[in-house]
Amino acid sequence: MDGLYGSCFEPAIVDRAQKREPAPPAISPDGDYDTMLNVLTDQLSKGEYFLDNRFTALDVLWGRALTWITMFDLVPALPVIQTYIDRINARPSVTWVNQKDAELVAALG
């Protein structure tokens, strides 16, 4: 699933954000936005985390990315995606990082 992020997810999101057609399969064989979204939601529906029920670094990457990207409506907050985001953001370490981020933003004014 790590390969999905850089080679499929990001290009599909950029295409979507810039309202352009995806590259032809001969240039970018990793699929279009709809294919990427289907693979993503299929994987998320298999367990609590990307690797079934085991939290890994993969979830750190995807949880933060999906948190941000859904705020810009580039990925819909479908129930399976929103539940995953909520699960990641409820983790104590993520809560702590979010608090530190907010403190830094406040300190910088």
PDB file of N, CA and C in Angstrom:
ATOM      1  N   MET A   1       0.809  -1.192   0.000  1.00  0.00           N
ATOM      2  CA  MET A   1       0.000   0.000   0.000  1.00  0.00           C
ATOM      3  C   MET A   1       0.860   1.265   0.000  1.00  0.00           C
ATOM      4  N   ASP A   2       2.116   1.137   0.398  1.00  0.00           N
ATOM      5  CA  ASP A   2       3.001   2.293   0.371  1.00  0.00           C
ATOM      6  C   ASP A   2       3.209   2.757  -1.066  1.00  0.00           C
ATOM      7  N   GLY A   3       3.335   1.809  -2.003  1.00  0.00           N
ATOM      8  CA  GLY A   3       3.493   2.155  -3.410  1.00  0.00           C
ATOM      9  C   GLY A   3       2.271   2.862  -3.964  1.00  0.00           C
ATOM     10  N   LEU A   4       1.102   2.544  -3.418  1.00  0.00           N
ATOM     11  CA  LEU A   4      -0.129   3.207  -3.852  1.00  0.00           C
ATOM     12  C   LEU A   4      -0.064   4.699  -3.571  1.00  0.00           C
ATOM     13  N   TYR A   5       0.567   5.067  -2.480  1.00  0.00           N
ATOM     14  CA  TYR A   5       0.587   6.479  -2.086  1.00  0.00           C
ATOM     15  C   TYR A   5       1.290   7.357  -3.119  1.00  0.00           C
ATOM     16  N   GLY A   6       2.552   7.090  -3.367  1.00  0.00           N
ATOM     17  CA  GLY A   6       3.345   7.958  -4.240  1.00  0.00           C
ATOM     18  C   GLY A   6       3.094   7.769  -5.719  1.00  0.00           C
ATOM     19  N   SER A   7       2.772   6.557  -6.119  1.00  0.00           N
ATOM     20  CA  SER A   7       2.643   6.312  -7.556  1.00  0.00           C
ATOM     21  C   SER A   7       1.206   6.364  -8.054  1.00  0.00           C
ATOM     22  N   CYS A   8       0.237   6.280  -7.175  1.00  0.00           N
ATOM     23  CA  CYS A   8      -1.169   6.295  -7.604  1.00  0.00           C
ATOM     24  C   CYS A   8      -1.974   7.414  -6.936  1.00  0.00           C
ATOM     25  N   PHE A   9      -1.894   7.470  -5.613  1.00  0.00           N
ATOM     26  CA  PHE A   9      -2.704   8.432  -4.865  1.00  0.00           C
ATOM     27  C   PHE A   9      -2.341   9.871  -5.222  1.00  0.00           C
ATOM     28  N   GLU A  10      -1.073  10.227  -5.077  1.00  0.00           N
ATOM     29  CA  GLU A  10      -0.669  11.610  -5.347  1.00  0.00           C
ATOM     30  C   GLU A  10      -0.948  12.047  -6.786  1.00  0.00           C
ATOM     31  N   PRO A  11      -0.570  11.254  -7.805  1.00  0.00           N
ATOM     32  CA  PRO A  11      -0.898  11.688  -9.172  1.00  0.00           C
ATOM     33  C   PRO A  11      -2.402  11.846  -9.405  1.00  0.00           C
ATOM     34  N   ALA A  12      -3.195  10.941  -8.840  1.00  0.00           N
ATOM     35  CA  ALA A  12      -4.648  11.029  -9.017  1.00  0.00           C
ATOM     36  C   ALA A  12      -5.215  12.271  -8.340  1.00  0.00           C
ATOM     37  N   ILE A  13      -4.681  12.601  -7.173  1.00  0.00           N
ATOM     38  CA  ILE A  13      -5.144  13.791  -6.449  1.00  0.00           C
ATOM     39  C   ILE A  13      -4.742  15.056  -7.200  1.00  0.00           C
ATOM     40  N   VAL A  14      -3.531  15.096  -7.709  1.00  0.00           N
ATOM     41  CA  VAL A  14      -3.076  16.269  -8.465  1.00  0.00           C
ATOM     42  C   VAL A  14      -3.939  16.453  -9.713  1.00  0.00           C
ATOM     43  N   ASP A  15      -4.190  15.368 -10.441  1.00  0.00           N
ATOM     44  CA  ASP A  15      -5.058  15.446 -11.621  1.00  0.00           C
ATOM     45  C   ASP A  15      -6.427  15.988 -11.231  1.00  0.00           C
ATOM     46  N   ARG A  16      -6.965  15.484 -10.133  1.00  0.00           N
ATOM     47  CA  ARG A  16      -8.291  15.898  -9.673  1.00  0.00           C
ATOM     48  C   ARG A  16      -8.280  17.382  -9.278  1.00  0.00           C
ATOM     49  N   ALA A  17      -7.268  17.793  -8.530  1.00  0.00           N
ATOM     50  CA  ALA A  17      -7.187  19.180  -8.065  1.00  0.00           C
ATOM     51  C   ALA A  17      -7.037  20.156  -9.222  1.00  0.00           C
ATOM     52  N   GLN A  18      -6.289  19.738 -10.241  1.00  0.00           N
ATOM     53  CA  GLN A  18      -6.061  20.622 -11.381  1.00  0.00           C
ATOM     54  C   GLN A  18      -7.100  20.430 -12.484  1.00  0.00           C
ATOM     55  N   LYS A  19      -8.072  19.575 -12.207  1.00  0.00           N
ATOM     56  CA  LYS A  19      -9.176  19.321 -13.147  1.00  0.00           C
ATOM     57  C   LYS A  19      -8.661  18.942 -14.538  1.00  0.00           C
ATOM     58  N   ARG A  20      -7.724  18.006 -14.536  1.00  0.00           N
ATOM     59  CA  ARG A  20      -7.175  17.538 -15.810  1.00  0.00           C
ATOM     60  C   ARG A  20      -7.352  16.028 -15.923  1.00  0.00           C
ATOM     61  N   GLU A  21      -7.336  15.576 -17.143  1.00  0.00           N
ATOM     62  CA  GLU A  21      -7.454  14.145 -17.412  1.00  0.00           C
ATOM     63  C   GLU A  21      -6.185  13.435 -16.948  1.00  0.00           C
ATOM     64  N   PRO A  22      -6.327  12.195 -16.456  1.00  0.00           N
ATOM     65  CA  PRO A  22      -5.120  11.459 -16.057  1.00  0.00           C
ATOM     66  C   PRO A  22      -4.255  11.148 -17.276  1.00  0.00           C
ATOM     67  N   ALA A  23      -2.986  10.906 -17.018  1.00  0.00           N
ATOM     68  CA  ALA A  23      -2.068  10.545 -18.095  1.00  0.00           C
ATOM     69  C   ALA A  23      -2.524   9.230 -18.719  1.00  0.00           C
ATOM     70  N   PRO A  24      -2.216   9.026 -19.992  1.00  0.00           N
ATOM     71  CA  PRO A  24      -2.591   7.764 -20.637  1.00  0.00           C
ATOM     72  C   PRO A  24      -1.929   6.571 -19.935  1.00  0.00           C
ATOM     73  N   PRO A  25      -2.561   5.409 -19.966  1.00  0.00           N
ATOM     74  CA  PRO A  25      -2.006   4.229 -19.294  1.00  0.00           C
ATOM     75  C   PRO A  25      -0.580   3.880 -19.724  1.00  0.00           C
ATOM     76  N   ALA A  26      -0.214   4.187 -20.946  1.00  0.00           N
ATOM     77  CA  ALA A  26       1.147   3.886 -21.411  1.00  0.00           C
ATOM     78  C   ALA A  26       2.190   4.714 -20.647  1.00  0.00           C
ATOM     79  N   ILE A  27       1.786   5.885 -20.160  1.00  0.00           N
ATOM     80  CA  ILE A  27       2.694   6.769 -19.424  1.00  0.00           C
ATOM     81  C   ILE A  27       2.541   6.557 -17.911  1.00  0.00           C
ATOM     82  N   SER A  28       1.323   6.376 -17.474  1.00  0.00           N
ATOM     83  CA  SER A  28       1.030   6.211 -16.052  1.00  0.00           C
ATOM     84  C   SER A  28       0.081   5.028 -15.865  1.00  0.00           C
ATOM     85  N   PRO A  29       0.613   3.823 -15.813  1.00  0.00           N
ATOM     86  CA  PRO A  29      -0.227   2.630 -15.771  1.00  0.00           C
ATOM     87  C   PRO A  29      -0.860   2.346 -14.413  1.00  0.00           C
ATOM     88  N   ASP A  30      -0.720   3.261 -13.469  1.00  0.00           N
ATOM     89  CA  ASP A  30      -1.176   2.981 -12.115  1.00  0.00           C
ATOM     90  C   ASP A  30      -2.646   3.283 -11.861  1.00  0.00           C
ATOM     91  N   GLY A  31      -3.369   3.722 -12.855  1.00  0.00           N
ATOM     92  CA  GLY A  31      -4.795   3.914 -12.699  1.00  0.00           C
ATOM     93  C   GLY A  31      -5.202   5.366 -12.522  1.00  0.00           C
ATOM     94  N   ASP A  32      -6.479   5.581 -12.629  1.00  0.00           N
ATOM     95  CA  ASP A  32      -7.041   6.921 -12.509  1.00  0.00           C
ATOM     96  C   ASP A  32      -7.591   7.138 -11.096  1.00  0.00           C
ATOM     97  N   TYR A  33      -8.217   8.259 -10.887  1.00  0.00           N
ATOM     98  CA  TYR A  33      -8.748   8.625  -9.582  1.00  0.00           C
ATOM     99  C   TYR A  33      -9.733   7.586  -9.049  1.00  0.00           C
ATOM    100  N   ASP A  34     -10.687   7.202  -9.888  1.00  0.00           N
ATOM    101  CA  ASP A  34     -11.706   6.247  -9.440  1.00  0.00           C
ATOM    102  C   ASP A  34     -11.094   4.902  -9.064  1.00  0.00           C
ATOM    103  N   THR A  35     -10.117   4.449  -9.848  1.00  0.00           N
ATOM    104  CA  THR A  35      -9.433   3.190  -9.537  1.00  0.00           C
ATOM    105  C   THR A  35      -8.703   3.317  -8.207  1.00  0.00           C
ATOM    106  N   MET A  36      -7.981   4.408  -8.036  1.00  0.00           N
ATOM    107  CA  MET A  36      -7.250   4.643  -6.787  1.00  0.00           C
ATOM    108  C   MET A  36      -8.203   4.655  -5.606  1.00  0.00           C
ATOM    109  N   LEU A  37      -9.332   5.368  -5.731  1.00  0.00           N
ATOM    110  CA  LEU A  37     -10.283   5.469  -4.631  1.00  0.00           C
ATOM    111  C   LEU A  37     -10.880   4.099  -4.298  1.00  0.00           C
ATOM    112  N   ASN A  38     -11.159   3.301  -5.312  1.00  0.00           N
ATOM    113  CA  ASN A  38     -11.692   1.958  -5.076  1.00  0.00           C
ATOM    114  C   ASN A  38     -10.688   1.069  -4.352  1.00  0.00           C
ATOM    115  N   VAL A  39      -9.428   1.120  -4.767  1.00  0.00           N
ATOM    116  CA  VAL A  39      -8.388   0.328  -4.101  1.00  0.00           C
ATOM    117  C   VAL A  39      -8.241   0.789  -2.649  1.00  0.00           C
ATOM    118  N   LEU A  40      -8.242   2.081  -2.441  1.00  0.00           N
ATOM    119  CA  LEU A  40      -8.106   2.646  -1.102  1.00  0.00           C
ATOM    120  C   LEU A  40      -9.250   2.204  -0.198  1.00  0.00           C
ATOM    121  N   THR A  41     -10.478   2.377  -0.636  1.00  0.00           N
ATOM    122  CA  THR A  41     -11.620   2.023   0.206  1.00  0.00           C
ATOM    123  C   THR A  41     -11.722   0.515   0.414  1.00  0.00           C
ATOM    124  N   ASP A  42     -11.367  -0.264  -0.594  1.00  0.00           N
ATOM    125  CA  ASP A  42     -11.358  -1.721  -0.430  1.00  0.00           C
ATOM    126  C   ASP A  42     -10.373  -2.132   0.660  1.00  0.00           C
ATOM    127  N   GLN A  43      -9.190  -1.528   0.641  1.00  0.00           N
ATOM    128  CA  GLN A  43      -8.178  -1.872   1.639  1.00  0.00           C
ATOM    129  C   GLN A  43      -8.618  -1.437   3.037  1.00  0.00           C
ATOM    130  N   LEU A  44      -9.169  -0.236   3.147  1.00  0.00           N
ATOM    131  CA  LEU A  44      -9.596   0.265   4.454  1.00  0.00           C
ATOM    132  C   LEU A  44     -10.749  -0.541   5.042  1.00  0.00           C
ATOM    133  N   SER A  45     -11.540  -1.165   4.202  1.00  0.00           N
ATOM    134  CA  SER A  45     -12.679  -1.935   4.708  1.00  0.00           C
ATOM    135  C   SER A  45     -12.278  -3.331   5.196  1.00  0.00           C
ATOM    136  N   LYS A  46     -11.009  -3.693   5.055  1.00  0.00           N
ATOM    137  CA  LYS A  46     -10.547  -5.028   5.471  1.00  0.00           C
ATOM    138  C   LYS A  46     -10.196  -5.123   6.947  1.00  0.00           C
ATOM    139  N   GLY A  47      -9.964  -3.995   7.594  1.00  0.00           N
ATOM    140  CA  GLY A  47      -9.585  -4.031   9.005  1.00  0.00           C
ATOM    141  C   GLY A  47      -9.516  -2.633   9.572  1.00  0.00           C
ATOM    142  N   GLU A  48      -9.040  -2.534  10.795  1.00  0.00           N
ATOM    143  CA  GLU A  48      -8.952  -1.228  11.440  1.00  0.00           C
ATOM    144  C   GLU A  48      -7.864  -0.350  10.834  1.00  0.00           C
ATOM    145  N   TYR A  49      -6.811  -0.981  10.332  1.00  0.00           N
ATOM    146  CA  TYR A  49      -5.677  -0.257   9.777  1.00  0.00           C
ATOM    147  C   TYR A  49      -5.332  -0.833   8.413  1.00  0.00           C
ATOM    148  N   PHE A  50      -4.342  -0.273   7.770  1.00  0.00           N
ATOM    149  CA  PHE A  50      -3.984  -0.746   6.437  1.00  0.00           C
ATOM    150  C   PHE A  50      -3.549  -2.197   6.426  1.00  0.00           C
ATOM    151  N   LEU A  51      -2.854  -2.602   7.456  1.00  0.00           N
ATOM    152  CA  LEU A  51      -2.421  -3.997   7.547  1.00  0.00           C
ATOM    153  C   LEU A  51      -3.311  -4.715   8.554  1.00  0.00           C
ATOM    154  N   ASP A  52      -4.569  -4.829   8.188  1.00  0.00           N
ATOM    155  CA  ASP A  52      -5.602  -5.457   9.010  1.00  0.00           C
ATOM    156  C   ASP A  52      -5.775  -4.712  10.322  1.00  0.00           C
ATOM    157  N   ASN A  53      -5.424  -5.333  11.433  1.00  0.00           N
ATOM    158  CA  ASN A  53      -5.672  -4.719  12.733  1.00  0.00           C
ATOM    159  C   ASN A  53      -4.382  -4.326  13.447  1.00  0.00           C
ATOM    160  N   ARG A  54      -3.334  -4.120  12.661  1.00  0.00           N
ATOM    161  CA  ARG A  54      -2.037  -3.752  13.234  1.00  0.00           C
ATOM    162  C   ARG A  54      -1.659  -2.345  12.779  1.00  0.00           C
ATOM    163  N   PHE A  55      -1.473  -1.423  13.722  1.00  0.00           N
ATOM    164  CA  PHE A  55      -1.072  -0.059  13.418  1.00  0.00           C
ATOM    165  C   PHE A  55       0.408  -0.051  13.035  1.00  0.00           C
ATOM    166  N   THR A  56       0.720   0.574  11.888  1.00  0.00           N
ATOM    167  CA  THR A  56       2.103   0.633  11.410  1.00  0.00           C
ATOM    168  C   THR A  56       2.414   2.042  10.901  1.00  0.00           C
ATOM    169  N   ALA A  57       3.650   2.238  10.477  1.00  0.00           N
ATOM    170  CA  ALA A  57       4.059   3.523   9.899  1.00  0.00           C
ATOM    171  C   ALA A  57       3.210   3.873   8.676  1.00  0.00           C
ATOM    172  N   LEU A  58       2.715   2.878   7.995  1.00  0.00           N
ATOM    173  CA  LEU A  58       1.840   3.105   6.850  1.00  0.00           C
ATOM    174  C   LEU A  58       0.612   3.909   7.264  1.00  0.00           C
ATOM    175  N   ASP A  59       0.103   3.638   8.433  1.00  0.00           N
ATOM    176  CA  ASP A  59      -1.068   4.360   8.929  1.00  0.00           C
ATOM    177  C   ASP A  59      -0.738   5.793   9.327  1.00  0.00           C
ATOM    178  N   VAL A  60       0.500   6.018   9.769  1.00  0.00           N
ATOM    179  CA  VAL A  60       0.921   7.388  10.064  1.00  0.00           C
ATOM    180  C   VAL A  60       0.860   8.211   8.774  1.00  0.00           C
ATOM    181  N   LEU A  61       1.421   7.671   7.702  1.00  0.00           N
ATOM    182  CA  LEU A  61       1.418   8.350   6.402  1.00  0.00           C
ATOM    183  C   LEU A  61      -0.005   8.573   5.899  1.00  0.00           C
ATOM    184  N   TRP A  62      -0.773   7.504   5.787  1.00  0.00           N
ATOM    185  CA  TRP A  62      -2.112   7.584   5.211  1.00  0.00           C
ATOM    186  C   TRP A  62      -3.088   8.352   6.092  1.00  0.00           C
ATOM    187  N   GLY A  63      -3.001   8.166   7.387  1.00  0.00           N
ATOM    188  CA  GLY A  63      -3.928   8.862   8.286  1.00  0.00           C
ATOM    189  C   GLY A  63      -3.792  10.367   8.192  1.00  0.00           C
ATOM    190  N   ARG A  64      -2.555  10.844   8.199  1.00  0.00           N
ATOM    191  CA  ARG A  64      -2.334  12.289   8.102  1.00  0.00           C
ATOM    192  C   ARG A  64      -2.720  12.800   6.711  1.00  0.00           C
ATOM    193  N   ALA A  65      -2.338  12.068   5.682  1.00  0.00           N
ATOM    194  CA  ALA A  65      -2.661  12.501   4.317  1.00  0.00           C
ATOM    195  C   ALA A  65      -4.170  12.573   4.109  1.00  0.00           C
ATOM    196  N   LEU A  66      -4.883  11.555   4.538  1.00  0.00           N
ATOM    197  CA  LEU A  66      -6.334  11.556   4.346  1.00  0.00           C
ATOM    198  C   LEU A  66      -7.019  12.620   5.198  1.00  0.00           C
ATOM    199  N   THR A  67      -6.475  12.891   6.368  1.00  0.00           N
ATOM    200  CA  THR A  67      -7.031  13.967   7.196  1.00  0.00           C
ATOM    201  C   THR A  67      -6.997  15.277   6.425  1.00  0.00           C
ATOM    202  N   TRP A  68      -5.848  15.585   5.841  1.00  0.00           N
ATOM    203  CA  TRP A  68      -5.700  16.858   5.107  1.00  0.00           C
ATOM    204  C   TRP A  68      -6.468  16.860   3.794  1.00  0.00           C
ATOM    205  N   ILE A  69      -6.354  15.806   3.046  1.00  0.00           N
ATOM    206  CA  ILE A  69      -6.906  15.797   1.684  1.00  0.00           C
ATOM    207  C   ILE A  69      -8.437  15.807   1.698  1.00  0.00           C
ATOM    208  N   THR A  70      -9.058  15.228   2.751  1.00  0.00           N
ATOM    209  CA  THR A  70     -10.517  15.289   2.836  1.00  0.00           C
ATOM    210  C   THR A  70     -10.984  16.692   3.213  1.00  0.00           C
ATOM    211  N   MET A  71     -10.136  17.457   3.897  1.00  0.00           N
ATOM    212  CA  MET A  71     -10.516  18.845   4.238  1.00  0.00           C
ATOM    213  C   MET A  71     -10.636  19.709   2.992  1.00  0.00           C
ATOM    214  N   PHE A  72      -9.965  19.316   1.918  1.00  0.00           N
ATOM    215  CA  PHE A  72     -10.025  20.059   0.653  1.00  0.00           C
ATOM    216  C   PHE A  72     -10.979  19.400  -0.343  1.00  0.00           C
ATOM    217  N   ASP A  73     -11.720  18.402   0.126  1.00  0.00           N
ATOM    218  CA  ASP A  73     -12.710  17.682  -0.696  1.00  0.00           C
ATOM    219  C   ASP A  73     -12.108  17.036  -1.942  1.00  0.00           C
ATOM    220  N   LEU A  74     -10.839  16.684  -1.877  1.00  0.00           N
ATOM    221  CA  LEU A  74     -10.221  15.988  -3.007  1.00  0.00           C
ATOM    222  C   LEU A  74     -10.408  14.488  -2.897  1.00  0.00           C
ATOM    223  N   VAL A  75     -10.722  14.032  -1.715  1.00  0.00           N
ATOM    224  CA  VAL A  75     -11.158  12.662  -1.467  1.00  0.00           C
ATOM    225  C   VAL A  75     -12.401  12.793  -0.606  1.00  0.00           C
ATOM    226  N   PRO A  76     -13.477  12.125  -0.977  1.00  0.00           N
ATOM    227  CA  PRO A  76     -14.694  12.254  -0.184  1.00  0.00           C
ATOM    228  C   PRO A  76     -14.530  11.566   1.173  1.00  0.00           C
ATOM    229  N   ALA A  77     -15.134  12.145   2.182  1.00  0.00           N
ATOM    230  CA  ALA A  77     -15.088  11.557   3.522  1.00  0.00           C
ATOM    231  C   ALA A  77     -16.141  10.459   3.619  1.00  0.00           C
ATOM    232  N   LEU A  78     -15.984   9.444   2.774  1.00  0.00           N
ATOM    233  CA  LEU A  78     -16.884   8.292   2.806  1.00  0.00           C
ATOM    234  C   LEU A  78     -16.807   7.671   4.198  1.00  0.00           C
ATOM    235  N   PRO A  79     -17.838   6.971   4.630  1.00  0.00           N
ATOM    236  CA  PRO A  79     -17.804   6.399   5.985  1.00  0.00           C
ATOM    237  C   PRO A  79     -16.538   5.581   6.286  1.00  0.00           C
ATOM    238  N   VAL A  80     -16.095   4.756   5.374  1.00  0.00           N
ATOM    239  CA  VAL A  80     -14.905   3.942   5.637  1.00  0.00           C
ATOM    240  C   VAL A  80     -13.660   4.817   5.766  1.00  0.00           C
ATOM    241  N   ILE A  81     -13.595   5.900   5.023  1.00  0.00           N
ATOM    242  CA  ILE A  81     -12.458   6.811   5.099  1.00  0.00           C
ATOM    243  C   ILE A  81     -12.537   7.653   6.370  1.00  0.00           C
ATOM    244  N   GLN A  82     -13.707   8.213   6.666  1.00  0.00           N
ATOM    245  CA  GLN A  82     -13.849   9.049   7.858  1.00  0.00           C
ATOM    246  C   GLN A  82     -13.629   8.248   9.131  1.00  0.00           C
ATOM    247  N   THR A  83     -14.119   7.027   9.172  1.00  0.00           N
ATOM    248  CA  THR A  83     -13.903   6.172  10.343  1.00  0.00           C
ATOM    249  C   THR A  83     -12.416   5.909  10.547  1.00  0.00           C
ATOM    250  N   TYR A  84     -11.710   5.660   9.461  1.00  0.00           N
ATOM    251  CA  TYR A  84     -10.259   5.452   9.528  1.00  0.00           C
ATOM    252  C   TYR A  84      -9.557   6.711  10.033  1.00  0.00           C
ATOM    253  N   ILE A  85      -9.910   7.859   9.463  1.00  0.00           N
ATOM    254  CA  ILE A  85      -9.318   9.138   9.894  1.00  0.00           C
ATOM    255  C   ILE A  85      -9.568   9.355  11.384  1.00  0.00           C
ATOM    256  N   ASP A  86     -10.789   9.147  11.823  1.00  0.00           N
ATOM    257  CA  ASP A  86     -11.126   9.345  13.236  1.00  0.00           C
ATOM    258  C   ASP A  86     -10.323   8.401  14.126  1.00  0.00           C
ATOM    259  N   ARG A  87     -10.160   7.167  13.688  1.00  0.00           N
ATOM    260  CA  ARG A  87      -9.397   6.182  14.459  1.00  0.00           C
ATOM    261  C   ARG A  87      -7.936   6.613  14.596  1.00  0.00           C
ATOM    262  N   ILE A  88      -7.358   7.088  13.493  1.00  0.00           N
ATOM    263  CA  ILE A  88      -5.961   7.526  13.526  1.00  0.00           C
ATOM    264  C   ILE A  88      -5.817   8.765  14.415  1.00  0.00           C
ATOM    265  N   ASN A  89      -6.699   9.732  14.227  1.00  0.00           N
ATOM    266  CA  ASN A  89      -6.606  10.983  14.984  1.00  0.00           C
ATOM    267  C   ASN A  89      -6.927  10.830  16.466  1.00  0.00           C
ATOM    268  N   ALA A  90      -7.542   9.729  16.858  1.00  0.00           N
ATOM    269  CA  ALA A  90      -7.827   9.465  18.266  1.00  0.00           C
ATOM    270  C   ALA A  90      -6.641   8.833  18.993  1.00  0.00           C
ATOM    271  N   ARG A  91      -5.641   8.403  18.257  1.00  0.00           N
ATOM    272  CA  ARG A  91      -4.471   7.784  18.887  1.00  0.00           C
ATOM    273  C   ARG A  91      -3.747   8.828  19.739  1.00  0.00           C
ATOM    274  N   PRO A  92      -3.296   8.451  20.924  1.00  0.00           N
ATOM    275  CA  PRO A  92      -2.639   9.426  21.815  1.00  0.00           C
ATOM    276  C   PRO A  92      -1.466  10.153  21.163  1.00  0.00           C
ATOM    277  N   SER A  93      -0.662   9.461  20.403  1.00  0.00           N
ATOM    278  CA  SER A  93       0.501  10.123  19.785  1.00  0.00           C
ATOM    279  C   SER A  93       0.062  11.160  18.751  1.00  0.00           C
ATOM    280  N   VAL A  94      -0.990  10.891  18.026  1.00  0.00           N
ATOM    281  CA  VAL A  94      -1.484  11.844  17.031  1.00  0.00           C
ATOM    282  C   VAL A  94      -2.128  13.037  17.733  1.00  0.00           C
ATOM    283  N   THR A  95      -2.870  12.773  18.785  1.00  0.00           N
ATOM    284  CA  THR A  95      -3.462  13.853  19.563  1.00  0.00           C
ATOM    285  C   THR A  95      -2.372  14.775  20.100  1.00  0.00           C
ATOM    286  N   TRP A  96      -1.292  14.196  20.604  1.00  0.00           N
ATOM    287  CA  TRP A  96      -0.175  14.972  21.134  1.00  0.00           C
ATOM    288  C   TRP A  96       0.450  15.840  20.034  1.00  0.00           C
ATOM    289  N   VAL A  97       0.693  15.248  18.850  1.00  0.00           N
ATOM    290  CA  VAL A  97       1.279  16.001  17.737  1.00  0.00           C
ATOM    291  C   VAL A  97       0.353  17.131  17.308  1.00  0.00           C
ATOM    292  N   ASN A  98      -0.925  16.863  17.226  1.00  0.00           N
ATOM    293  CA  ASN A  98      -1.886  17.917  16.859  1.00  0.00           C
ATOM    294  C   ASN A  98      -1.869  19.058  17.865  1.00  0.00           C
ATOM    295  N   GLN A  99      -1.761  18.719  19.146  1.00  0.00           N
ATOM    296  CA  GLN A  99      -1.689  19.749  20.187  1.00  0.00           C
ATOM    297  C   GLN A  99      -0.422  20.579  20.019  1.00  0.00           C
ATOM    298  N   LYS A 100       0.707  19.930  19.770  1.00  0.00           N
ATOM    299  CA  LYS A 100       1.969  20.651  19.577  1.00  0.00           C
ATOM    300  C   LYS A 100       1.910  21.537  18.338  1.00  0.00           C
ATOM    301  N   ASP A 101       1.299  21.042  17.264  1.00  0.00           N
ATOM    302  CA  ASP A 101       1.127  21.857  16.059  1.00  0.00           C
ATOM    303  C   ASP A 101       0.308  23.113  16.364  1.00  0.00           C
ATOM    304  N   ALA A 102      -0.777  22.953  17.096  1.00  0.00           N
ATOM    305  CA  ALA A 102      -1.629  24.085  17.444  1.00  0.00           C
ATOM    306  C   ALA A 102      -0.873  25.095  18.309  1.00  0.00           C
ATOM    307  N   GLU A 103      -0.055  24.594  19.233  1.00  0.00           N
ATOM    308  CA  GLU A 103       0.739  25.483  20.071  1.00  0.00           C
ATOM    309  C   GLU A 103       1.745  26.268  19.236  1.00  0.00           C
ATOM    310  N   LEU A 104       2.376  25.610  18.275  1.00  0.00           N
ATOM    311  CA  LEU A 104       3.337  26.307  17.406  1.00  0.00           C
ATOM    312  C   LEU A 104       2.649  27.371  16.555  1.00  0.00           C
ATOM    313  N   VAL A 105       1.503  27.038  16.018  1.00  0.00           N
ATOM    314  CA  VAL A 105       0.754  28.010  15.210  1.00  0.00           C
ATOM    315  C   VAL A 105       0.368  29.200  16.070  1.00  0.00           C
ATOM    316  N   ALA A 106      -0.097  28.944  17.287  1.00  0.00           N
ATOM    317  CA  ALA A 106      -0.481  30.041  18.176  1.00  0.00           C
ATOM    318  C   ALA A 106       0.729  30.911  18.535  1.00  0.00           C
ATOM    319  N   ALA A 107       1.859  30.260  18.771  1.00  0.00           N
ATOM    320  CA  ALA A 107       3.078  31.018  19.136  1.00  0.00           C
ATOM    321  C   ALA A 107       3.573  31.879  17.988  1.00  0.00           C
ATOM    322  N   LEU A 108       3.355  31.425  16.756  1.00  0.00           N
ATOM    323  CA  LEU A 108       3.796  32.186  15.594  1.00  0.00           C
ATOM    324  C   LEU A 108       2.809  33.281  15.196  1.00  0.00           C
ATOM    325  N   GLY A 109       1.619  33.194  15.780  1.00  0.00           N
ATOM    326  CA  GLY A 109       0.618  34.230  15.560  1.00  0.00           C
ATOM    327  C   GLY A 109       0.054  34.188  14.206  1.00  0.00           C
TER     328      GLY A 109
END
